[in-house]
């Protein structure tokens, strides 16, 4: 299995100082005291924070307290929505250990003089890493006019560009272009984790290298007759989404 993308969110006042974001309802992860709670040991592959007046962000759990606070300096996006080359804290070469039965909090600080803002935290939690196929890959395009739900995960109804030849496919990357989107994730049949990453807001925008083909291994597999589902976590009820999945035919 690959990794799981999850979201934190909160609208904070202009005086946000080490304020904690709220873990958002998730089909896979348990939530306790507005934080994600892991039933077994997991590892953090990447993390990112979004907010127009964002100064810094950090994660926190009891087992970290005897060392220091892990700040996400490379994952700060001081914008309302991710644009070209968004910042992501890349931990894939040395995934950050998350202890079972501990709550993981996500905190943000606002710069001095900032205004009230919406803040979002995104994390990628590793399950079992499966290498990406090194065969030729193709990028499949789909579109959706499903209205997103503000500050909540919403599954899209996607119209794919064409019917795929019969077979089994591996997903090795993905992207969603949508106005005022934060995050997206992919749903594969018979797979628990829902991998994904930052959504981007412009057709000329490039995503972080973290989501490049094969970098995070396999995102999941699907049969040509059971296409994957797509979810988005957005700021508003925007209803125009372009979906791109990088796939490899494996059988």
Protein backbone atom coordinates (compact mmCIF):
# COMPACT_ATOMS: atom_id res chain seq x y z
CA UNK A 1 0.00 0.00 0.00
CA UNK A 2 1.15 3.61 -0.57
CA UNK A 3 0.48 6.68 1.61
CA UNK A 4 -2.51 8.61 2.93
CA UNK A 5 -3.21 12.33 2.53
CA UNK A 6 -5.03 14.04 5.40
CA UNK A 7 -6.06 17.62 6.22
CA UNK A 8 -6.16 20.04 9.14
CA UNK A 9 -8.08 23.33 8.98
CA UNK A 10 -9.15 26.29 11.08
CA UNK A 11 -10.14 29.91 10.57
CA UNK A 12 -8.02 31.97 12.95
CA UNK A 13 -8.01 35.55 14.16
CA UNK A 14 -5.34 38.12 13.40
CA UNK A 15 -3.53 37.24 16.62
CA UNK A 16 -2.90 33.53 15.94
CA UNK A 17 0.10 32.45 18.02
CA UNK A 18 0.97 28.74 18.01
CA UNK A 19 -2.72 28.01 17.42
CA UNK A 20 -3.77 24.44 16.76
CA UNK A 21 -5.60 23.48 13.57
CA UNK A 22 -8.44 20.95 13.64
CA UNK A 23 -8.07 17.50 12.07
CA UNK A 24 -10.74 17.18 9.37
CA UNK A 25 -13.16 14.27 9.16
CA UNK A 26 -11.36 11.42 7.46
CA UNK A 27 -12.52 8.06 6.09
CA UNK A 28 -9.30 6.35 7.17
CA UNK A 29 -7.73 8.02 10.21
CA UNK A 30 -9.12 8.23 13.74
CA UNK A 31 -9.61 11.68 15.29
CA UNK A 32 -9.26 12.36 19.02
CA UNK A 33 -9.42 15.83 20.59
CA UNK A 34 -9.34 17.41 17.10
CA UNK A 35 -6.05 15.61 16.33
CA UNK A 36 -5.23 12.56 14.26
CA UNK A 37 -4.62 9.45 16.35
CA UNK A 38 -2.67 6.55 14.83
CA UNK A 39 -3.57 3.00 15.86
CA UNK A 40 -0.12 1.72 14.90
CA UNK A 41 3.31 3.21 14.25
CA UNK A 42 3.34 5.33 11.11
CA UNK A 43 5.81 7.62 9.33
CA UNK A 44 5.37 11.10 7.94
CA UNK A 45 6.52 11.50 4.32
CA UNK A 46 5.61 15.14 3.71
CA UNK A 47 3.81 18.08 5.28
CA UNK A 48 2.67 21.49 4.10
CA UNK A 49 0.92 24.57 5.50
CA UNK A 50 -1.17 27.20 3.70
CA UNK A 51 -2.30 30.66 4.84
CA UNK A 52 -2.09 34.22 3.57
CA UNK A 53 -0.43 35.56 6.74
CA UNK A 54 1.42 32.39 7.69
CA UNK A 55 4.73 32.84 9.51
CA UNK A 56 5.57 29.26 10.42
CA UNK A 57 4.02 25.90 11.23
CA UNK A 58 4.90 22.85 13.29
CA UNK A 59 3.70 19.41 14.29
CA UNK A 60 3.51 18.15 17.85
CA UNK A 61 3.07 14.85 19.70
CA UNK A 62 4.00 13.67 23.22
CA UNK A 63 7.03 11.68 22.06
CA UNK A 64 8.56 14.82 20.51
CA UNK A 65 8.54 16.78 23.78
CA UNK A 66 11.86 15.46 25.06
CA UNK A 67 13.67 16.70 21.94
CA UNK A 68 12.18 19.84 20.33
CA UNK A 69 9.32 21.11 18.18
CA UNK A 70 9.57 19.97 14.54
CA UNK A 71 9.01 23.14 12.50
CA UNK A 72 8.05 22.82 8.84
CA UNK A 73 10.25 25.57 7.46
CA UNK A 74 10.37 24.14 3.94
CA UNK A 75 6.62 23.58 3.81
CA UNK A 76 5.31 27.12 4.36
CA UNK A 77 2.99 28.61 1.69
CA UNK A 78 2.20 32.23 2.49
CA UNK A 79 -0.72 32.30 0.05
CA UNK A 80 -4.46 31.70 0.14
CA UNK A 81 -4.20 28.80 -2.33
CA UNK A 82 -1.24 26.83 -3.72
CA UNK A 83 0.18 28.22 -6.97
CA UNK A 84 3.32 27.54 -8.98
CA UNK A 85 5.90 25.30 -7.25
CA UNK A 86 4.29 25.23 -3.78
CA UNK A 87 6.44 24.48 -0.76
CA UNK A 88 6.33 21.01 0.79
CA UNK A 89 8.44 19.69 3.68
CA UNK A 90 9.99 16.62 2.05
CA UNK A 91 10.79 13.84 4.53
CA UNK A 92 10.79 10.90 2.11
CA UNK A 93 14.51 10.16 2.49
CA UNK A 94 14.16 10.01 6.27
CA UNK A 95 10.45 9.67 7.16
CA UNK A 96 9.46 11.17 10.50
CA UNK A 97 8.36 8.54 13.05
CA UNK A 98 4.84 8.82 14.48
CA UNK A 99 4.10 6.68 17.52
CA UNK A 100 0.99 4.55 17.85
CA UNK A 101 -1.72 5.77 20.26
CA UNK A 102 -0.40 9.34 20.21
CA UNK A 103 -2.30 12.35 18.92
CA UNK A 104 -0.62 14.44 16.23
CA UNK A 105 -1.36 18.16 16.34
CA UNK A 106 -0.63 20.77 13.66
CA UNK A 107 0.09 24.34 14.81
CA UNK A 108 0.58 27.66 13.03
CA UNK A 109 1.90 31.13 13.83
CA UNK A 110 0.72 34.26 12.06
CA UNK A 111 3.01 37.11 11.10
CA UNK A 112 2.69 40.38 12.98
CA UNK A 113 0.06 42.66 11.47
CA UNK A 114 -1.70 39.88 9.62
CA UNK A 115 -5.47 39.62 9.24
CA UNK A 116 -7.94 36.87 10.09
CA UNK A 117 -7.24 33.94 7.76
CA UNK A 118 -8.13 30.38 6.88
CA UNK A 119 -5.24 28.01 7.58
CA UNK A 120 -4.76 24.52 6.20
CA UNK A 121 -2.27 21.80 7.03
CA UNK A 122 -1.69 18.79 4.79
CA UNK A 123 0.20 15.61 5.67
CA UNK A 124 1.25 12.44 3.83
CA UNK A 125 1.33 9.33 6.05
CA UNK A 126 3.22 6.28 4.83
CA UNK A 127 1.66 2.84 4.87
CA UNK A 128 3.88 0.27 3.10
CA UNK A 129 6.06 1.68 0.33
CA UNK A 130 5.70 -0.09 -3.00
CA UNK A 131 8.19 0.95 -5.71
CA UNK A 132 6.78 2.59 -8.81
CA UNK A 133 6.95 0.63 -12.03
CA UNK A 134 9.77 1.78 -14.33
CA UNK A 135 7.77 1.06 -17.49
CA UNK A 136 6.57 3.84 -19.80
CA UNK A 137 3.95 6.03 -18.17
CA UNK A 138 0.97 7.92 -19.53
CA UNK A 139 -0.94 10.89 -18.13
CA UNK A 140 -4.69 10.39 -18.06
CA UNK A 141 -6.89 13.51 -18.04
CA UNK A 142 -10.35 13.89 -16.55
CA UNK A 143 -12.73 16.74 -15.82
CA UNK A 144 -15.41 17.34 -13.20
CA UNK A 145 -18.12 19.91 -12.57
CA UNK A 146 -18.97 18.60 -9.10
CA UNK A 147 -19.30 21.44 -6.60
CA UNK A 148 -16.72 21.17 -3.83
CA UNK A 149 -17.73 21.58 -0.19
CA UNK A 150 -15.89 24.38 1.59
CA UNK A 151 -13.33 23.09 4.10
CA UNK A 152 -14.34 19.45 3.74
CA UNK A 153 -13.39 16.46 1.60
CA UNK A 154 -15.72 15.99 -1.37
CA UNK A 155 -15.61 13.16 -3.91
CA UNK A 156 -15.89 14.29 -7.52
CA UNK A 157 -17.76 12.74 -10.41
CA UNK A 158 -15.03 12.59 -13.05
CA UNK A 159 -15.42 12.23 -16.81
CA UNK A 160 -12.25 10.60 -18.11
CA UNK A 161 -10.89 11.51 -21.55
CA UNK A 162 -11.17 7.97 -22.86
CA UNK A 163 -11.78 4.35 -21.92
CA UNK A 164 -8.55 2.58 -21.03
CA UNK A 165 -7.51 -0.66 -22.72
CA UNK A 166 -8.42 -3.66 -20.55
CA UNK A 167 -5.84 -4.34 -17.87
CA UNK A 168 -4.47 -3.33 -14.48
CA UNK A 169 -2.81 0.04 -13.95
CA UNK A 170 -0.52 1.55 -11.32
CA UNK A 171 -0.81 5.23 -10.36
CA UNK A 172 2.60 6.85 -9.82
CA UNK A 173 1.57 10.51 -9.56
CA UNK A 174 -1.41 12.82 -9.72
CA UNK A 175 -2.52 16.43 -9.90
CA UNK A 176 -5.73 18.42 -9.64
CA UNK A 177 -6.06 21.93 -11.03
CA UNK A 178 -8.95 23.75 -9.40
CA UNK A 179 -9.66 27.33 -8.39
CA UNK A 180 -9.34 27.88 -4.64
CA UNK A 181 -8.43 24.26 -3.92
CA UNK A 182 -6.10 23.11 -1.16
CA UNK A 183 -5.60 19.34 -1.40
CA UNK A 184 -6.69 16.34 -3.42
CA UNK A 185 -6.51 12.59 -3.00
CA UNK A 186 -7.13 9.38 -4.94
CA UNK A 187 -9.44 6.52 -4.00
CA UNK A 188 -8.54 3.04 -5.29
CA UNK A 189 -10.83 0.04 -4.85
CA UNK A 190 -9.70 -2.43 -2.16
CA UNK A 191 -7.11 0.01 -0.79
CA UNK A 192 -7.37 1.75 2.59
CA UNK A 193 -5.04 4.77 2.29
CA UNK A 194 -6.00 7.60 -0.05
CA UNK A 195 -2.83 9.16 -1.48
CA UNK A 196 -2.74 12.71 -2.78
CA UNK A 197 -1.14 16.10 -2.36
CA UNK A 198 -1.50 19.82 -2.93
CA UNK A 199 -4.01 20.98 -5.51
CA UNK A 200 -2.81 23.83 -7.74
CA UNK A 201 -4.78 26.78 -9.05
CA UNK A 202 -3.36 27.54 -12.51
CA UNK A 203 -2.90 25.64 -15.76
CA UNK A 204 0.64 26.96 -16.07
CA UNK A 205 1.51 26.05 -12.49
CA UNK A 206 3.89 23.25 -11.56
CA UNK A 207 3.48 21.19 -8.43
CA UNK A 208 6.16 20.31 -5.88
CA UNK A 209 8.80 17.75 -6.85
CA UNK A 210 7.38 15.55 -4.07
CA UNK A 211 4.47 14.65 -6.36
CA UNK A 212 6.57 13.95 -9.46
CA UNK A 213 6.11 10.55 -11.16
CA UNK A 214 7.47 7.71 -9.04
CA UNK A 215 8.95 9.89 -6.27
CA UNK A 216 6.57 8.52 -3.62
CA UNK A 217 6.43 5.05 -5.14
CA UNK A 218 3.11 3.53 -6.11
CA UNK A 219 0.01 5.53 -5.21
CA UNK A 220 -2.23 2.53 -5.82
CA UNK A 221 -3.55 0.20 -8.50
CA UNK A 222 -6.85 -0.17 -10.31
CA UNK A 223 -8.54 -2.23 -13.00
CA UNK A 224 -9.62 -0.53 -16.21
CA UNK A 225 -13.27 -1.30 -15.42
CA UNK A 226 -13.10 0.28 -11.92
CA UNK A 227 -11.66 3.75 -12.34
CA UNK A 228 -10.22 5.51 -9.28
CA UNK A 229 -12.17 8.15 -7.39
CA UNK A 230 -10.95 11.69 -6.72
CA UNK A 231 -11.57 13.85 -3.64
CA UNK A 232 -10.79 17.55 -3.15
CA UNK A 233 -10.43 19.71 -0.05
CA UNK A 234 -11.25 23.29 -1.09
CA UNK A 235 -11.72 26.80 0.23
CA UNK A 236 -15.05 27.31 -1.57
CA UNK A 237 -17.71 25.45 -3.54
CA UNK A 238 -15.80 25.75 -6.80
CA UNK A 239 -17.14 23.38 -9.48
CA UNK A 240 -14.43 23.24 -12.15
CA UNK A 241 -11.70 20.64 -11.71
CA UNK A 242 -9.10 19.17 -14.05
CA UNK A 243 -7.68 15.85 -12.92
CA UNK A 244 -4.42 14.29 -14.13
CA UNK A 245 -3.23 10.82 -13.14
CA UNK A 246 0.14 9.47 -14.21
CA UNK A 247 -0.38 5.75 -14.80
CA UNK A 248 1.54 2.66 -15.92
CA UNK A 249 -0.09 -0.41 -17.45
CA UNK A 250 1.23 -3.34 -15.40
CA UNK A 251 -0.86 -6.23 -16.75
